[in-house]
Amino acid sequence: MAGVKQFDEAAVMRTALDLFWRKGFAATSMPDLAEATGVQRGSLYHAYGGKDAIFLRAFEAYADRLLGLVRAALDHPDPRAALTAFFDAVISNMTSGEPPRGCLSTRTAVEAGGPAVQDRIRRWLAEFEAAILTALNAPPMRGLALPPPAAAELLVTFSRGLAVMERVHHDPERLRQTARSLVAVLVP
């Protein structure tokens, strides 16, 4: 029947996400996506319109999952424990996979996809910061060395820097130690 997808869209999106995460946005081509997903290139274009659209659709699952992890990690009454859990979640996310895949959002931001992709990365970073700020504004999180808005911005920026350091050093324990140092500064 014309117009009916002949593939499992959820499986295609999972595979596409994994490919973008492993190879990066810039290095992933439509032929790569077709091969990895087992869906012909023409069918992918027809269903989604191109690489940017496939990325954006696949990225939504990544963004939702990571924001959920961040919110859960920060949902702790002790600020030091909450921030440590936050960094553990972020570091685990970027060091998962064999070999580790790094941070999809940071990698994509640096690779400069099309305007729609860059806009989505900016919006995701704003959502990421808003989730952190919500947690930092909760009464148990009072007493940080910075006001919550400044601390939230610092945590987003620092976590993106950790993503770069993961690509350079491939050492999760080094990342955790660096994160613990920032937590010690933020929670005197």
Foldseek 3Di string as FASTA:
>chain_A
DPPDDPADVVQLLVQLLVCCLQQNLVRDALVNSCVRRVHDSVSCCVVQNGSLRSCVVSVVVVLVVLLVQLLVLLPDLAQLSSLLSNLVSLLCQQCDDVRGRFDRLLRHCVVDDDPVSVVVSVVSLVVQLVSQLVSCPDVSNPQWPDPSSVVSVVVSVVSSVLSVVCVVPVDSVVSSVVSSVVSVNGHD
